Amino acid sequence: VDPCCIYACEMRRLREREANEGAAANGFDSRTKSLSLRHVRDRIGSLARFTLYWNCYDDGLFVGDRGSGKGLHVDQVLWSNIGKHWRGHKLLATWPAGEVSARMVAEMGDRHFCAPLGPQQKQALELASKVVLLRPGDVFLCSGGVAHTTLSVSIELTVTAYESVATLNLRHVQHLLCTGATCGPGALDRGVMECDDLKDLWRDISQRLFSLLRSETCAKVGPLVAIGVPSLFALEVELRQLLAKCGRLLASSKAMLTSIAGQILTLVAKLDSACLMQSESNPQLRDALHHEREDRSMLEVKRRCT
């Protein structure tokens, strides 16, 4: 075997260690098998709780020499990944979700995209949504739930780690709900999660959602609003509103545990009322929410025009 073709994937500790600073304080696992001494989740702090899933327990490390990489594939769970790239230069290519990704997996399998590229690989890259160069020090967000592939291109070793995360973004949640699909335009013909594992995943997410809704329903806007620093807490109110929408979407899906779907909808109604009361009872907070929505709308207009 050519040493240059070896790509070590998903490396982690055999035994648990104490979690990184900030993990336990924000309600996450107090133990980990991760080799990463810093996680993006823990740097974000308490706001990281507004997620359905964020894995820093057994996140893997990827190391490879020039010409090595991960062949084209879609992760078994259609979640997002936050990557941390420490060393070397690596190419990352992703394809659009749904039908295009499913077709790439069917046609390309686990194909590597190393030089020289063949006609089929070139045609596939024409359909890619993104082809990016990762440089030392880059932190990036990508979807593991679409067809993607990597290729180390520097002479030195490349070193990268990923944290899997399921956000409250409704587009992300709808995509996550397609995990394990056996029919439809996005159904995969390989690499699909086993039925029992899929049930375990949705049981954990259901319980996580229930606990988060219950805690946020009782949460209050912090004291900084009273002294003229409303933006962080305006963000928290918006995240609670997004959590309510996410809860409503998931409670109506077949993936959700039927035993707690009704309780989730009850908590969603309470959270909606709490968010409304918080924003209406505090003029500073209401104005901050209004201005932040305006700013985001302007940014979206500019993005579409460029």
Protein backbone atom coordinates (compact mmCIF):
# COMPACT_ATOMS: atom_id res chain seq x y z
CA VAL A 1 0.00 0.00 0.00
CA ASP A 2 1.32 3.43 -0.96
CA PRO A 3 1.71 5.42 2.33
CA CYS A 4 0.62 8.56 0.44
CA CYS A 5 -2.79 6.99 -0.16
CA ILE A 6 -3.51 6.30 3.51
CA TYR A 7 -6.15 8.56 5.06
CA ALA A 8 -6.76 7.97 8.77
CA CYS A 9 -10.41 8.68 9.61
CA GLU A 10 -12.45 9.10 12.76
CA MET A 11 -9.52 8.81 15.18
CA ARG A 12 -10.46 9.18 18.85
CA ARG A 13 -9.39 8.00 22.29
CA LEU A 14 -10.11 4.44 23.40
CA ARG A 15 -10.96 5.64 26.91
CA GLU A 16 -12.92 8.63 28.15
CA ARG A 17 -11.32 11.72 29.63
CA GLU A 18 -12.67 14.83 31.33
CA ALA A 19 -14.52 17.05 28.85
CA ASN A 20 -13.03 20.35 27.72
CA GLU A 21 -13.51 23.48 29.81
CA GLY A 22 -17.04 24.86 29.53
CA ALA A 23 -18.78 21.64 28.45
CA ALA A 24 -20.25 20.59 31.79
CA ALA A 25 -21.01 24.20 32.78
CA ASN A 26 -23.31 24.51 29.76
CA GLY A 27 -25.12 21.23 30.36
CA PHE A 28 -23.19 18.98 27.97
CA ASP A 29 -21.34 15.71 28.56
CA SER A 30 -18.77 15.85 31.34
CA ARG A 31 -16.73 13.08 29.66
CA THR A 32 -15.39 12.72 26.11
CA LYS A 33 -13.28 10.51 23.85
CA SER A 34 -12.39 13.41 21.60
CA LEU A 35 -8.79 14.27 20.71
CA SER A 36 -9.73 17.95 20.26
CA LEU A 37 -8.67 20.11 23.18
CA ARG A 38 -11.08 22.85 22.09
CA HIS A 39 -14.57 22.52 20.67
CA VAL A 40 -16.53 25.20 18.85
CA ARG A 41 -19.60 24.20 20.88
CA ASP A 42 -17.92 25.08 24.16
CA ARG A 43 -16.56 28.37 22.83
CA ILE A 44 -20.08 29.45 21.88
CA GLY A 45 -21.16 28.87 25.47
CA SER A 46 -24.74 28.76 26.68
CA LEU A 47 -26.23 29.63 23.26
CA ALA A 48 -25.05 26.22 22.01
CA ARG A 49 -27.96 24.71 23.92
CA PHE A 50 -30.27 25.85 21.09
CA THR A 51 -29.55 22.74 19.03
CA LEU A 52 -31.15 19.32 18.64
CA TYR A 53 -27.80 17.56 18.73
CA TRP A 54 -24.13 18.54 19.05
CA ASN A 55 -21.60 15.76 19.27
CA CYS A 56 -18.29 16.48 20.99
CA TYR A 57 -18.18 13.11 22.74
CA ASP A 58 -16.62 10.94 20.02
CA ASP A 59 -15.94 13.40 17.20
CA GLY A 60 -13.17 12.11 14.97
CA LEU A 61 -9.80 13.37 13.75
CA PHE A 62 -8.82 12.98 10.07
CA VAL A 63 -5.15 12.85 9.00
CA GLY A 64 -3.75 12.29 5.52
CA ASP A 65 -0.85 12.84 3.15
CA ARG A 66 -0.98 14.48 -0.28
CA GLY A 67 -3.36 12.66 -2.62
CA SER A 68 -5.34 11.01 0.18
CA GLY A 69 -8.89 11.87 1.17
CA LYS A 70 -12.41 10.63 1.76
CA GLY A 71 -14.31 9.29 -1.22
CA LEU A 72 -17.67 10.70 -2.26
CA HIS A 73 -20.38 9.79 0.26
CA VAL A 74 -23.35 11.05 2.30
CA ASP A 75 -23.32 10.67 6.10
CA GLN A 76 -25.79 8.19 7.55
CA VAL A 77 -27.42 11.03 9.49
CA LEU A 78 -28.32 14.12 7.46
CA TRP A 79 -26.86 16.65 9.89
CA SER A 80 -24.35 19.49 9.62
CA ASN A 81 -20.66 19.47 10.50
CA ILE A 82 -18.45 22.16 11.99
CA GLY A 83 -14.92 21.53 10.79
CA LYS A 84 -11.64 22.67 12.34
CA HIS A 85 -8.66 22.50 10.02
CA TRP A 86 -5.28 22.77 11.72
CA ARG A 87 -2.63 21.76 9.22
CA GLY A 88 -1.99 21.46 5.48
CA HIS A 89 -4.31 22.31 2.60
CA LYS A 90 -7.34 20.25 1.66
CA LEU A 91 -10.04 20.50 -1.02
CA LEU A 92 -13.66 19.96 -0.01
CA ALA A 93 -16.43 19.51 -2.58
CA THR A 94 -20.16 19.31 -1.81
CA TRP A 95 -23.21 18.71 -3.98
CA PRO A 96 -26.82 19.94 -3.66
CA ALA A 97 -29.10 18.06 -1.28
CA GLY A 98 -31.73 15.61 -2.48
CA GLU A 99 -31.84 14.17 -5.97
CA VAL A 100 -28.38 15.39 -7.09
CA SER A 101 -26.63 13.96 -4.02
CA ALA A 102 -28.48 10.65 -4.34
CA ARG A 103 -27.51 10.42 -8.02
CA MET A 104 -23.85 11.18 -7.22
CA VAL A 105 -23.76 8.37 -4.65
CA ALA A 106 -25.42 5.94 -7.10
CA GLU A 107 -23.12 6.84 -10.00
CA MET A 108 -19.83 7.58 -8.23
CA GLY A 109 -19.95 5.31 -5.19
CA ASP A 110 -16.96 5.99 -2.94
CA ARG A 111 -14.91 7.40 -5.84
CA HIS A 112 -11.86 9.53 -4.99
CA PHE A 113 -11.28 12.75 -6.93
CA CYS A 114 -7.49 12.64 -7.20
CA ALA A 115 -5.55 13.63 -10.31
CA PRO A 116 -5.76 12.84 -13.11
CA LEU A 117 -9.54 13.25 -13.16
CA GLY A 118 -11.58 11.12 -15.54
CA PRO A 119 -14.51 12.39 -17.67
CA GLN A 120 -17.08 11.13 -15.15
CA GLN A 121 -15.37 12.92 -12.26
CA LYS A 122 -15.16 16.17 -14.23
CA GLN A 123 -18.84 15.99 -15.09
CA ALA A 124 -19.68 15.36 -11.44
CA LEU A 125 -17.70 18.41 -10.33
CA GLU A 126 -19.66 20.55 -12.78
CA LEU A 127 -22.72 19.80 -10.63
CA ALA A 128 -21.01 20.56 -7.31
CA SER A 129 -22.53 23.33 -5.18
CA LYS A 130 -19.19 24.24 -3.59
CA VAL A 131 -15.51 23.42 -4.09
CA VAL A 132 -13.40 25.11 -1.42
CA LEU A 133 -9.78 25.12 -0.27
CA LEU A 134 -9.30 24.59 3.46
CA ARG A 135 -6.26 26.37 4.91
CA PRO A 136 -4.55 26.01 8.31
CA GLY A 137 -6.65 27.77 10.95
CA ASP A 138 -9.95 27.59 9.04
CA VAL A 139 -13.19 26.83 10.87
CA PHE A 140 -16.08 25.98 8.56
CA LEU A 141 -19.70 24.83 8.49
CA CYS A 142 -20.83 22.26 5.94
CA SER A 143 -23.51 19.59 5.57
CA GLY A 144 -22.62 15.95 6.02
CA GLY A 145 -26.11 15.15 4.76
CA VAL A 146 -25.18 15.90 1.14
CA ALA A 147 -22.73 14.20 -1.19
CA HIS A 148 -19.23 15.40 -0.34
CA THR A 149 -15.60 14.42 -0.75
CA THR A 150 -12.17 15.65 0.40
CA LEU A 151 -8.66 15.58 -1.05
CA SER A 152 -5.39 16.51 0.70
CA VAL A 153 -3.32 18.64 -1.68
CA SER A 154 -0.36 19.90 0.38
CA ILE A 155 3.01 18.19 0.72
CA GLU A 156 2.67 18.16 4.50
CA LEU A 157 0.05 16.15 6.40
CA THR A 158 -3.47 17.54 6.69
CA VAL A 159 -5.22 17.44 10.08
CA THR A 160 -8.95 18.12 10.43
CA ALA A 161 -11.69 17.38 12.98
CA TYR A 162 -15.47 17.66 12.76
CA GLU A 163 -18.26 18.25 15.27
CA SER A 164 -21.66 16.93 14.15
CA VAL A 165 -24.54 19.31 14.87
CA ALA A 166 -28.28 19.40 14.19
CA THR A 167 -29.34 23.06 14.30
CA LEU A 168 -32.81 24.57 14.77
CA ASN A 169 -32.75 26.06 11.28
CA LEU A 170 -36.01 24.80 9.77
CA ARG A 171 -34.34 23.95 6.47
CA HIS A 172 -31.79 21.86 8.37
CA VAL A 173 -34.54 20.16 10.41
CA GLN A 174 -36.52 19.27 7.28
CA HIS A 175 -33.38 17.77 5.77
CA LEU A 176 -32.64 15.86 8.99
CA LEU A 177 -36.12 14.34 8.81
CA CYS A 178 -35.11 12.69 5.50
CA THR A 179 -32.52 10.55 7.32
CA GLY A 180 -33.06 6.89 6.46
CA ALA A 181 -35.46 7.62 3.59
CA THR A 182 -36.00 4.57 1.39
CA CYS A 183 -38.06 6.28 -1.30
CA GLY A 184 -38.29 9.69 -2.90
CA PRO A 185 -35.79 11.77 -4.91
CA GLY A 186 -33.23 11.94 -2.08
CA ALA A 187 -33.29 8.24 -1.13
CA LEU A 188 -29.84 6.63 -1.11
CA ASP A 189 -29.05 3.18 -2.47
CA ARG A 190 -26.20 2.66 0.01
CA GLY A 191 -24.96 3.92 3.36
CA VAL A 192 -28.45 4.16 4.90
CA MET A 193 -28.73 3.96 8.70
CA GLU A 194 -30.06 0.69 10.15
CA CYS A 195 -33.66 0.80 11.35
CA ASP A 196 -32.84 0.19 15.04
CA ASP A 197 -30.11 2.84 15.02
CA LEU A 198 -32.52 5.29 13.40
CA LYS A 199 -35.09 4.67 16.14
CA ASP A 200 -32.43 5.29 18.79
CA LEU A 201 -31.42 8.54 17.08
CA TRP A 202 -34.96 9.91 17.01
CA ARG A 203 -35.63 8.79 20.56
CA ASP A 204 -32.60 10.79 21.72
CA ILE A 205 -33.57 13.84 19.63
CA SER A 206 -37.18 13.66 20.88
CA GLN A 207 -36.04 13.60 24.49
CA ARG A 208 -33.51 16.38 23.85
CA LEU A 209 -36.20 18.55 22.26
CA PHE A 210 -38.62 17.90 25.13
CA SER A 211 -36.01 18.83 27.77
CA LEU A 212 -34.96 21.97 25.89
CA LEU A 213 -38.55 23.15 25.43
CA ARG A 214 -39.31 22.55 29.10
CA SER A 215 -36.29 24.53 30.31
CA GLU A 216 -36.73 27.41 27.84
CA THR A 217 -40.44 27.80 28.64
CA CYS A 218 -39.46 28.82 32.16
CA ALA A 219 -36.42 30.90 31.17
CA LYS A 220 -36.44 34.68 31.56
CA VAL A 221 -34.71 37.45 29.63
CA GLY A 222 -31.53 38.42 31.45
CA PRO A 223 -30.70 41.63 33.29
CA LEU A 224 -28.51 43.19 30.58
CA VAL A 225 -31.65 44.40 28.80
CA ALA A 226 -32.34 46.73 31.70
CA ILE A 227 -28.96 48.44 31.33
CA GLY A 228 -29.11 48.99 27.58
CA VAL A 229 -27.47 45.80 26.21
CA PRO A 230 -30.47 44.00 24.67
CA SER A 231 -28.92 42.36 21.59
CA LEU A 232 -27.81 39.06 23.19
CA PHE A 233 -31.15 38.56 24.87
CA ALA A 234 -33.03 39.61 21.75
CA LEU A 235 -31.12 36.79 20.06
CA GLU A 236 -32.20 34.40 22.82
CA VAL A 237 -35.84 35.36 22.35
CA GLU A 238 -35.53 34.79 18.60
CA LEU A 239 -33.89 31.43 19.22
CA ARG A 240 -36.77 30.46 21.51
CA GLN A 241 -39.21 31.46 18.79
CA LEU A 242 -37.26 29.29 16.33
CA LEU A 243 -37.27 26.46 18.88
CA ALA A 244 -41.07 26.67 19.04
CA LYS A 245 -41.36 26.44 15.24
CA CYS A 246 -38.94 23.52 15.24
CA GLY A 247 -40.93 21.76 17.96
CA ARG A 248 -44.15 22.20 16.01
CA LEU A 249 -42.54 20.77 12.86
CA LEU A 250 -41.02 17.77 14.61
CA ALA A 251 -44.12 16.97 16.68
CA SER A 252 -46.09 16.53 13.46
CA SER A 253 -43.50 14.20 11.89
CA LYS A 254 -43.57 10.41 11.95
CA ALA A 255 -40.05 10.36 13.36
CA MET A 256 -41.07 11.92 16.68
CA LEU A 257 -41.88 9.71 19.67
CA THR A 258 -45.69 9.57 19.75
CA SER A 259 -45.63 9.25 23.54
CA ILE A 260 -44.37 12.82 23.97
CA ALA A 261 -45.57 14.54 20.77
CA GLY A 262 -48.62 15.95 22.57
CA GLN A 263 -46.50 17.20 25.47
CA ILE A 264 -44.15 18.88 23.02
CA LEU A 265 -47.03 20.76 21.38
CA THR A 266 -48.21 21.87 24.83
CA LEU A 267 -44.75 23.20 25.63
CA VAL A 268 -44.55 24.90 22.22
CA ALA A 269 -47.76 26.82 22.96
CA LYS A 270 -46.39 27.90 26.35
CA LEU A 271 -43.08 28.96 24.81
CA ASP A 272 -44.88 31.01 22.14
CA SER A 273 -46.79 32.86 24.86
CA ALA A 274 -43.67 33.40 26.95
CA CYS A 275 -41.74 34.86 23.99
CA LEU A 276 -44.61 37.18 23.16
CA MET A 277 -44.86 38.40 26.74
CA GLN A 278 -41.10 38.95 26.99
CA SER A 279 -40.92 41.02 23.81
CA GLU A 280 -44.10 43.03 24.41
CA SER A 281 -43.33 43.87 28.05
CA ASN A 282 -39.88 45.28 27.29
CA PRO A 283 -39.68 48.15 24.75
CA GLN A 284 -35.88 47.87 24.44
CA LEU A 285 -36.11 44.19 23.66
CA ARG A 286 -38.95 44.72 21.18
CA ASP A 287 -36.97 47.43 19.38
CA ALA A 288 -33.82 45.27 19.32
CA LEU A 289 -35.76 42.38 17.75
CA HIS A 290 -37.22 44.74 15.15
CA HIS A 291 -33.83 46.27 14.23
CA GLU A 292 -32.07 42.90 14.04
CA ARG A 293 -34.76 41.56 11.68
CA GLU A 294 -34.37 44.66 9.51
CA ASP A 295 -30.58 44.25 9.44
CA ARG A 296 -30.86 40.59 8.42
CA SER A 297 -33.40 41.44 5.73
CA MET A 298 -31.01 44.01 4.26
CA LEU A 299 -28.12 41.52 4.34
CA GLU A 300 -30.28 38.94 2.56
CA VAL A 301 -31.22 41.47 -0.15
CA LYS A 302 -27.54 42.37 -0.65
CA ARG A 303 -26.58 38.68 -0.80
CA ARG A 304 -29.15 37.97 -3.51
CA CYS A 305 -28.04 40.99 -5.53
CA THR A 306 -24.35 40.00 -5.53
